[in-house]
Amino acid sequence: MTLVQPTTNVLAFLHSVGARALLVFALVLAIWGTYRYFLKNEVTGGFRSSYLIMAGLTVAQGLLGVAAFAVGGRPAGQLLHVVYGVFAVLFLPGAYLYAHTGNRRREAVILAGASWVVSIAYFRGIATG
């Protein structure tokens, strides 16, 4: 037995656990941002930093997926699974940068909406993997 199979299993496991954690993280941020918006408040620095942490963890999650793929791991719905991942990696920072082009209340609705959208992408990525 080679070292490739256990390595693939470990990377696939970490990628799977990370995906579920990111889904929960995105849902918490979506609810938090939506709550702030409906209270007619702007998002806090804590929300912004949590959003950026989620964006960074999404990149780390993608790198785990690339590593698993490199050593032989393949998702069931290969192309679609990868598309959801690439979408999330590009969408989160794009939404963050776009949210800063208007007023602070608008930022709340954009970042909350982005969190809802990316939670759907995370879920679909899990479902196709």
N, C-alpha and C. Protein backbone atom coordinates (compact mmCIF):
# COMPACT_ATOMS: atom_id res chain seq x y z
N MET A 1 0.85 -1.18 0.00
CA MET A 1 0.00 0.00 0.00
C MET A 1 0.89 1.24 0.00
N THR A 2 0.53 2.20 -0.80
CA THR A 2 1.32 3.42 -0.89
C THR A 2 0.79 4.46 0.09
N LEU A 3 1.54 5.52 0.20
CA LEU A 3 1.17 6.61 1.10
C LEU A 3 0.06 7.49 0.50
N VAL A 4 -0.20 7.35 -0.79
CA VAL A 4 -1.17 8.21 -1.47
C VAL A 4 -2.58 8.03 -0.93
N GLN A 5 -3.02 6.79 -0.73
CA GLN A 5 -4.40 6.56 -0.27
C GLN A 5 -4.68 7.17 1.11
N PRO A 6 -3.83 6.95 2.14
CA PRO A 6 -4.11 7.61 3.42
C PRO A 6 -4.06 9.13 3.32
N THR A 7 -3.15 9.66 2.52
CA THR A 7 -3.06 11.11 2.34
C THR A 7 -4.33 11.64 1.69
N THR A 8 -4.81 10.96 0.68
CA THR A 8 -6.05 11.35 0.01
C THR A 8 -7.21 11.33 0.99
N ASN A 9 -7.29 10.29 1.81
CA ASN A 9 -8.37 10.18 2.78
C ASN A 9 -8.34 11.31 3.80
N VAL A 10 -7.16 11.64 4.29
CA VAL A 10 -7.02 12.72 5.28
C VAL A 10 -7.42 14.06 4.65
N LEU A 11 -6.91 14.34 3.46
CA LEU A 11 -7.24 15.61 2.79
C LEU A 11 -8.73 15.69 2.46
N ALA A 12 -9.30 14.59 2.00
CA ALA A 12 -10.73 14.58 1.70
C ALA A 12 -11.56 14.79 2.96
N PHE A 13 -11.13 14.19 4.06
CA PHE A 13 -11.83 14.36 5.34
C PHE A 13 -11.77 15.83 5.79
N LEU A 14 -10.58 16.41 5.75
CA LEU A 14 -10.43 17.81 6.16
C LEU A 14 -11.23 18.75 5.25
N HIS A 15 -11.25 18.45 3.97
CA HIS A 15 -12.02 19.24 3.02
C HIS A 15 -13.52 19.13 3.32
N SER A 16 -13.97 17.95 3.66
CA SER A 16 -15.38 17.72 3.99
C SER A 16 -15.79 18.43 5.27
N VAL A 17 -14.98 18.30 6.31
CA VAL A 17 -15.28 18.97 7.59
C VAL A 17 -15.23 20.48 7.41
N GLY A 18 -14.23 20.96 6.67
CA GLY A 18 -14.11 22.40 6.43
C GLY A 18 -15.31 22.95 5.68
N ALA A 19 -15.83 22.19 4.74
CA ALA A 19 -17.00 22.63 3.97
C ALA A 19 -18.21 22.81 4.88
N ARG A 20 -18.43 21.88 5.76
CA ARG A 20 -19.57 21.97 6.67
C ARG A 20 -19.40 23.12 7.66
N ALA A 21 -18.18 23.32 8.14
CA ALA A 21 -17.91 24.43 9.05
C ALA A 21 -18.14 25.77 8.35
N LEU A 22 -17.70 25.88 7.10
CA LEU A 22 -17.91 27.12 6.35
C LEU A 22 -19.39 27.37 6.06
N LEU A 23 -20.15 26.32 5.83
CA LEU A 23 -21.58 26.47 5.63
C LEU A 23 -22.23 27.07 6.87
N VAL A 24 -21.90 26.54 8.03
CA VAL A 24 -22.45 27.07 9.28
C VAL A 24 -21.98 28.51 9.49
N PHE A 25 -20.71 28.78 9.25
CA PHE A 25 -20.14 30.12 9.38
C PHE A 25 -20.91 31.11 8.49
N ALA A 26 -21.14 30.73 7.24
CA ALA A 26 -21.85 31.61 6.31
C ALA A 26 -23.28 31.86 6.76
N LEU A 27 -23.94 30.85 7.26
CA LEU A 27 -25.32 31.02 7.74
C LEU A 27 -25.37 31.95 8.95
N VAL A 28 -24.43 31.81 9.86
CA VAL A 28 -24.38 32.70 11.03
C VAL A 28 -24.17 34.14 10.58
N LEU A 29 -23.24 34.36 9.66
CA LEU A 29 -23.00 35.71 9.15
C LEU A 29 -24.22 36.25 8.39
N ALA A 30 -24.88 35.40 7.63
CA ALA A 30 -26.06 35.82 6.89
C ALA A 30 -27.16 36.29 7.84
N ILE A 31 -27.40 35.52 8.89
CA ILE A 31 -28.43 35.89 9.86
C ILE A 31 -28.02 37.16 10.61
N TRP A 32 -26.77 37.23 11.03
CA TRP A 32 -26.24 38.39 11.74
C TRP A 32 -26.36 39.66 10.89
N GLY A 33 -25.92 39.61 9.66
CA GLY A 33 -25.98 40.77 8.78
C GLY A 33 -27.41 41.18 8.46
N THR A 34 -28.27 40.20 8.24
CA THR A 34 -29.68 40.49 7.97
C THR A 34 -30.34 41.15 9.17
N TYR A 35 -30.03 40.66 10.36
CA TYR A 35 -30.55 41.24 11.60
C TYR A 35 -30.11 42.70 11.72
N ARG A 36 -28.83 42.97 11.48
CA ARG A 36 -28.32 44.34 11.56
C ARG A 36 -29.01 45.23 10.54
N TYR A 37 -29.22 44.71 9.35
CA TYR A 37 -29.86 45.50 8.30
C TYR A 37 -31.29 45.86 8.68
N PHE A 38 -32.06 44.88 9.15
CA PHE A 38 -33.46 45.16 9.49
C PHE A 38 -33.61 46.02 10.73
N LEU A 39 -32.58 46.09 11.56
CA LEU A 39 -32.59 47.04 12.67
C LEU A 39 -32.15 48.44 12.22
N LYS A 40 -31.89 48.56 10.92
CA LYS A 40 -31.41 49.81 10.32
C LYS A 40 -30.06 50.24 10.88
N ASN A 41 -29.23 49.25 11.16
CA ASN A 41 -27.88 49.49 11.66
C ASN A 41 -26.86 49.11 10.60
N GLU A 42 -25.68 49.67 10.73
CA GLU A 42 -24.60 49.23 9.86
C GLU A 42 -23.92 48.02 10.50
N VAL A 43 -23.15 47.31 9.71
CA VAL A 43 -22.43 46.16 10.25
C VAL A 43 -21.28 46.66 11.12
N THR A 44 -20.89 45.83 12.06
CA THR A 44 -19.82 46.19 12.99
C THR A 44 -18.47 45.75 12.44
N GLY A 45 -17.43 46.21 13.10
CA GLY A 45 -16.09 45.77 12.74
C GLY A 45 -15.93 44.27 12.95
N GLY A 46 -16.61 43.74 13.96
CA GLY A 46 -16.58 42.30 14.20
C GLY A 46 -17.19 41.51 13.05
N PHE A 47 -18.27 42.05 12.50
CA PHE A 47 -18.90 41.39 11.35
C PHE A 47 -17.96 41.42 10.15
N ARG A 48 -17.40 42.60 9.89
CA ARG A 48 -16.49 42.73 8.74
C ARG A 48 -15.30 41.78 8.87
N SER A 49 -14.71 41.73 10.06
CA SER A 49 -13.55 40.85 10.23
C SER A 49 -13.95 39.39 10.12
N SER A 50 -15.13 39.03 10.61
CA SER A 50 -15.61 37.65 10.47
C SER A 50 -15.84 37.31 9.00
N TYR A 51 -16.36 38.27 8.25
CA TYR A 51 -16.58 38.07 6.82
C TYR A 51 -15.25 37.82 6.12
N LEU A 52 -14.24 38.62 6.46
CA LEU A 52 -12.92 38.44 5.84
C LEU A 52 -12.28 37.12 6.26
N ILE A 53 -12.51 36.70 7.50
CA ILE A 53 -12.02 35.39 7.95
C ILE A 53 -12.67 34.29 7.12
N MET A 54 -13.98 34.43 6.88
CA MET A 54 -14.69 33.44 6.06
C MET A 54 -14.09 33.40 4.65
N ALA A 55 -13.79 34.57 4.09
CA ALA A 55 -13.20 34.61 2.75
C ALA A 55 -11.84 33.92 2.75
N GLY A 56 -11.04 34.16 3.78
CA GLY A 56 -9.73 33.51 3.88
C GLY A 56 -9.84 32.01 4.06
N LEU A 57 -10.77 31.59 4.90
CA LEU A 57 -10.98 30.15 5.11
C LEU A 57 -11.49 29.47 3.85
N THR A 58 -12.23 30.21 3.04
CA THR A 58 -12.71 29.66 1.77
C THR A 58 -11.53 29.37 0.85
N VAL A 59 -10.56 30.26 0.84
CA VAL A 59 -9.35 30.02 0.04
C VAL A 59 -8.60 28.80 0.58
N ALA A 60 -8.46 28.72 1.91
CA ALA A 60 -7.79 27.56 2.52
C ALA A 60 -8.53 26.27 2.19
N GLN A 61 -9.85 26.33 2.21
CA GLN A 61 -10.68 25.18 1.86
C GLN A 61 -10.43 24.77 0.41
N GLY A 62 -10.33 25.75 -0.46
CA GLY A 62 -10.04 25.46 -1.86
C GLY A 62 -8.67 24.83 -2.04
N LEU A 63 -7.68 25.31 -1.29
CA LEU A 63 -6.34 24.73 -1.37
C LEU A 63 -6.32 23.28 -0.88
N LEU A 64 -7.12 22.98 0.16
CA LEU A 64 -7.26 21.59 0.60
C LEU A 64 -7.85 20.73 -0.52
N GLY A 65 -8.85 21.27 -1.19
CA GLY A 65 -9.47 20.55 -2.30
C GLY A 65 -8.49 20.32 -3.44
N VAL A 66 -7.69 21.34 -3.76
CA VAL A 66 -6.68 21.20 -4.81
C VAL A 66 -5.65 20.15 -4.41
N ALA A 67 -5.23 20.16 -3.15
CA ALA A 67 -4.25 19.18 -2.67
C ALA A 67 -4.84 17.77 -2.75
N ALA A 68 -6.09 17.60 -2.34
CA ALA A 68 -6.74 16.29 -2.42
C ALA A 68 -6.83 15.83 -3.87
N PHE A 69 -7.17 16.75 -4.76
CA PHE A 69 -7.26 16.43 -6.18
C PHE A 69 -5.89 16.02 -6.73
N ALA A 70 -4.85 16.71 -6.28
CA ALA A 70 -3.49 16.45 -6.78
C ALA A 70 -2.99 15.06 -6.41
N VAL A 71 -3.46 14.53 -5.27
CA VAL A 71 -3.00 13.20 -4.85
C VAL A 71 -4.01 12.11 -5.20
N GLY A 72 -4.99 12.45 -6.03
CA GLY A 72 -5.88 11.41 -6.54
C GLY A 72 -7.32 11.47 -6.08
N GLY A 73 -7.67 12.36 -5.20
CA GLY A 73 -9.06 12.47 -4.77
C GLY A 73 -9.90 13.15 -5.83
N ARG A 74 -11.06 12.61 -6.10
CA ARG A 74 -11.94 13.18 -7.12
C ARG A 74 -13.35 13.28 -6.57
N PRO A 75 -13.97 14.50 -6.63
CA PRO A 75 -15.37 14.61 -6.21
C PRO A 75 -16.28 13.93 -7.22
N ALA A 76 -17.43 13.51 -6.76
CA ALA A 76 -18.37 12.81 -7.64
C ALA A 76 -18.81 13.68 -8.81
N GLY A 77 -19.24 14.89 -8.53
CA GLY A 77 -19.65 15.82 -9.58
C GLY A 77 -18.52 16.78 -9.85
N GLN A 78 -17.42 16.27 -10.39
CA GLN A 78 -16.15 16.99 -10.48
C GLN A 78 -16.27 18.45 -10.90
N LEU A 79 -16.71 18.69 -12.10
CA LEU A 79 -16.68 20.04 -12.63
C LEU A 79 -17.58 20.98 -11.84
N LEU A 80 -18.79 20.58 -11.56
CA LEU A 80 -19.72 21.44 -10.84
C LEU A 80 -19.21 21.73 -9.42
N HIS A 81 -18.63 20.74 -8.78
CA HIS A 81 -18.07 20.91 -7.44
C HIS A 81 -16.98 21.99 -7.47
N VAL A 82 -16.12 21.92 -8.45
CA VAL A 82 -15.03 22.89 -8.59
C VAL A 82 -15.59 24.28 -8.92
N VAL A 83 -16.61 24.35 -9.74
CA VAL A 83 -17.21 25.63 -10.11
C VAL A 83 -17.76 26.34 -8.87
N TYR A 84 -18.45 25.61 -8.00
CA TYR A 84 -18.97 26.23 -6.77
C TYR A 84 -17.84 26.75 -5.90
N GLY A 85 -16.76 26.01 -5.82
CA GLY A 85 -15.61 26.45 -5.03
C GLY A 85 -14.95 27.69 -5.59
N VAL A 86 -14.71 27.70 -6.88
CA VAL A 86 -14.09 28.87 -7.53
C VAL A 86 -15.01 30.08 -7.39
N PHE A 87 -16.31 29.86 -7.57
CA PHE A 87 -17.28 30.95 -7.40
C PHE A 87 -17.14 31.58 -6.02
N ALA A 88 -17.12 30.76 -4.97
CA ALA A 88 -17.05 31.29 -3.60
C ALA A 88 -15.75 32.05 -3.37
N VAL A 89 -14.64 31.52 -3.87
CA VAL A 89 -13.34 32.17 -3.68
C VAL A 89 -13.32 33.55 -4.34
N LEU A 90 -13.93 33.69 -5.50
CA LEU A 90 -13.94 34.97 -6.22
C LEU A 90 -15.05 35.90 -5.74
N PHE A 91 -16.19 35.34 -5.39
CA PHE A 91 -17.37 36.14 -5.05
C PHE A 91 -17.21 36.88 -3.73
N LEU A 92 -16.69 36.23 -2.70
CA LEU A 92 -16.62 36.86 -1.37
C LEU A 92 -15.79 38.14 -1.36
N PRO A 93 -14.55 38.14 -1.87
CA PRO A 93 -13.81 39.40 -1.88
C PRO A 93 -14.43 40.44 -2.82
N GLY A 94 -14.99 39.97 -3.92
CA GLY A 94 -15.65 40.90 -4.85
C GLY A 94 -16.81 41.61 -4.19
N ALA A 95 -17.64 40.87 -3.47
CA ALA A 95 -18.77 41.48 -2.76
C ALA A 95 -18.29 42.44 -1.69
N TYR A 96 -17.22 42.07 -1.01
CA TYR A 96 -16.67 42.92 0.05
C TYR A 96 -16.20 44.25 -0.54
N LEU A 97 -15.48 44.19 -1.64
CA LEU A 97 -14.99 45.42 -2.27
C LEU A 97 -16.15 46.25 -2.82
N TYR A 98 -17.15 45.61 -3.40
CA TYR A 98 -18.31 46.32 -3.93
C TYR A 98 -19.11 46.97 -2.81
N ALA A 99 -19.19 46.33 -1.66
CA ALA A 99 -19.98 46.85 -0.54
C ALA A 99 -19.44 48.18 -0.03
N HIS A 100 -18.17 48.44 -0.25
CA HIS A 100 -17.56 49.67 0.24
C HIS A 100 -17.76 50.86 -0.68
N THR A 101 -18.52 50.67 -1.77
CA THR A 101 -18.74 51.77 -2.70
C THR A 101 -19.94 52.63 -2.34
N GLY A 102 -20.69 52.26 -1.32
CA GLY A 102 -21.88 53.03 -0.93
C GLY A 102 -21.86 53.35 0.54
N ASN A 103 -23.06 53.63 1.07
CA ASN A 103 -23.14 53.97 2.49
C ASN A 103 -23.07 52.71 3.36
N ARG A 104 -22.98 52.90 4.65
CA ARG A 104 -22.75 51.78 5.58
C ARG A 104 -23.97 50.85 5.69
N ARG A 105 -25.16 51.36 5.56
CA ARG A 105 -26.34 50.49 5.63
C ARG A 105 -26.41 49.60 4.39
N ARG A 106 -26.03 50.17 3.26
CA ARG A 106 -25.97 49.39 2.01
C ARG A 106 -24.94 48.28 2.14
N GLU A 107 -23.85 48.56 2.83
CA GLU A 107 -22.83 47.55 3.08
C GLU A 107 -23.42 46.36 3.83
N ALA A 108 -24.30 46.64 4.79
CA ALA A 108 -24.92 45.57 5.57
C ALA A 108 -25.74 44.65 4.68
N VAL A 109 -26.53 45.20 3.78
CA VAL A 109 -27.38 44.36 2.94
C VAL A 109 -26.54 43.59 1.92
N ILE A 110 -25.49 44.19 1.41
CA ILE A 110 -24.65 43.50 0.43
C ILE A 110 -23.90 42.35 1.08
N LEU A 111 -23.28 42.59 2.23
CA LEU A 111 -22.51 41.53 2.89
C LEU A 111 -23.42 40.43 3.43
N ALA A 112 -24.60 40.80 3.93
CA ALA A 112 -25.55 39.78 4.38
C ALA A 112 -26.03 38.96 3.19
N GLY A 113 -26.36 39.65 2.10
CA GLY A 113 -26.79 38.94 0.89
C GLY A 113 -25.70 38.04 0.34
N ALA A 114 -24.46 38.52 0.36
CA ALA A 114 -23.34 37.71 -0.11
C ALA A 114 -23.17 36.47 0.77
N SER A 115 -23.41 36.61 2.06
CA SER A 115 -23.30 35.46 2.96
C SER A 115 -24.40 34.44 2.66
N TRP A 116 -25.61 34.91 2.36
CA TRP A 116 -26.69 33.99 1.97
C TRP A 116 -26.33 33.28 0.67
N VAL A 117 -25.85 34.04 -0.31
CA VAL A 117 -25.52 33.46 -1.61
C VAL A 117 -24.42 32.42 -1.48
N VAL A 118 -23.36 32.75 -0.73
CA VAL A 118 -22.25 31.82 -0.61
C VAL A 118 -22.63 30.61 0.23
N SER A 119 -23.56 30.76 1.15
CA SER A 119 -24.02 29.58 1.90
C SER A 119 -24.71 28.59 0.96
N ILE A 120 -25.42 29.10 -0.03
CA ILE A 120 -26.04 28.23 -1.03
C ILE A 120 -24.95 27.54 -1.88
N ALA A 121 -23.92 28.31 -2.24
CA ALA A 121 -22.83 27.73 -3.02
C ALA A 121 -22.11 26.65 -2.21
N TYR A 122 -21.88 26.90 -0.91
CA TYR A 122 -21.25 25.89 -0.05
C TYR A 122 -22.11 24.64 0.00
N PHE A 123 -23.41 24.82 0.20
CA PHE A 123 -24.31 23.68 0.28
C PHE A 123 -24.30 22.88 -1.02
N ARG A 124 -24.38 23.57 -2.14
CA ARG A 124 -24.37 22.90 -3.44
C ARG A 124 -23.03 22.20 -3.67
N GLY A 125 -21.93 22.82 -3.24
CA GLY A 125 -20.64 22.17 -3.36
C GLY A 125 -20.57 20.88 -2.57
N ILE A 126 -21.15 20.90 -1.37
CA ILE A 126 -21.19 19.69 -0.53
C ILE A 126 -22.08 18.64 -1.22
N ALA A 127 -23.21 19.07 -1.74
CA ALA A 127 -24.15 18.14 -2.36
C ALA A 127 -23.59 17.49 -3.63
N THR A 128 -22.73 18.21 -4.35
CA THR A 128 -22.18 17.64 -5.59
C THR A 128 -20.88 16.90 -5.35
N GLY A 129 -20.31 17.01 -4.14
CA GLY A 129 -19.02 16.36 -3.85
C GLY A 129 -19.23 14.97 -3.47
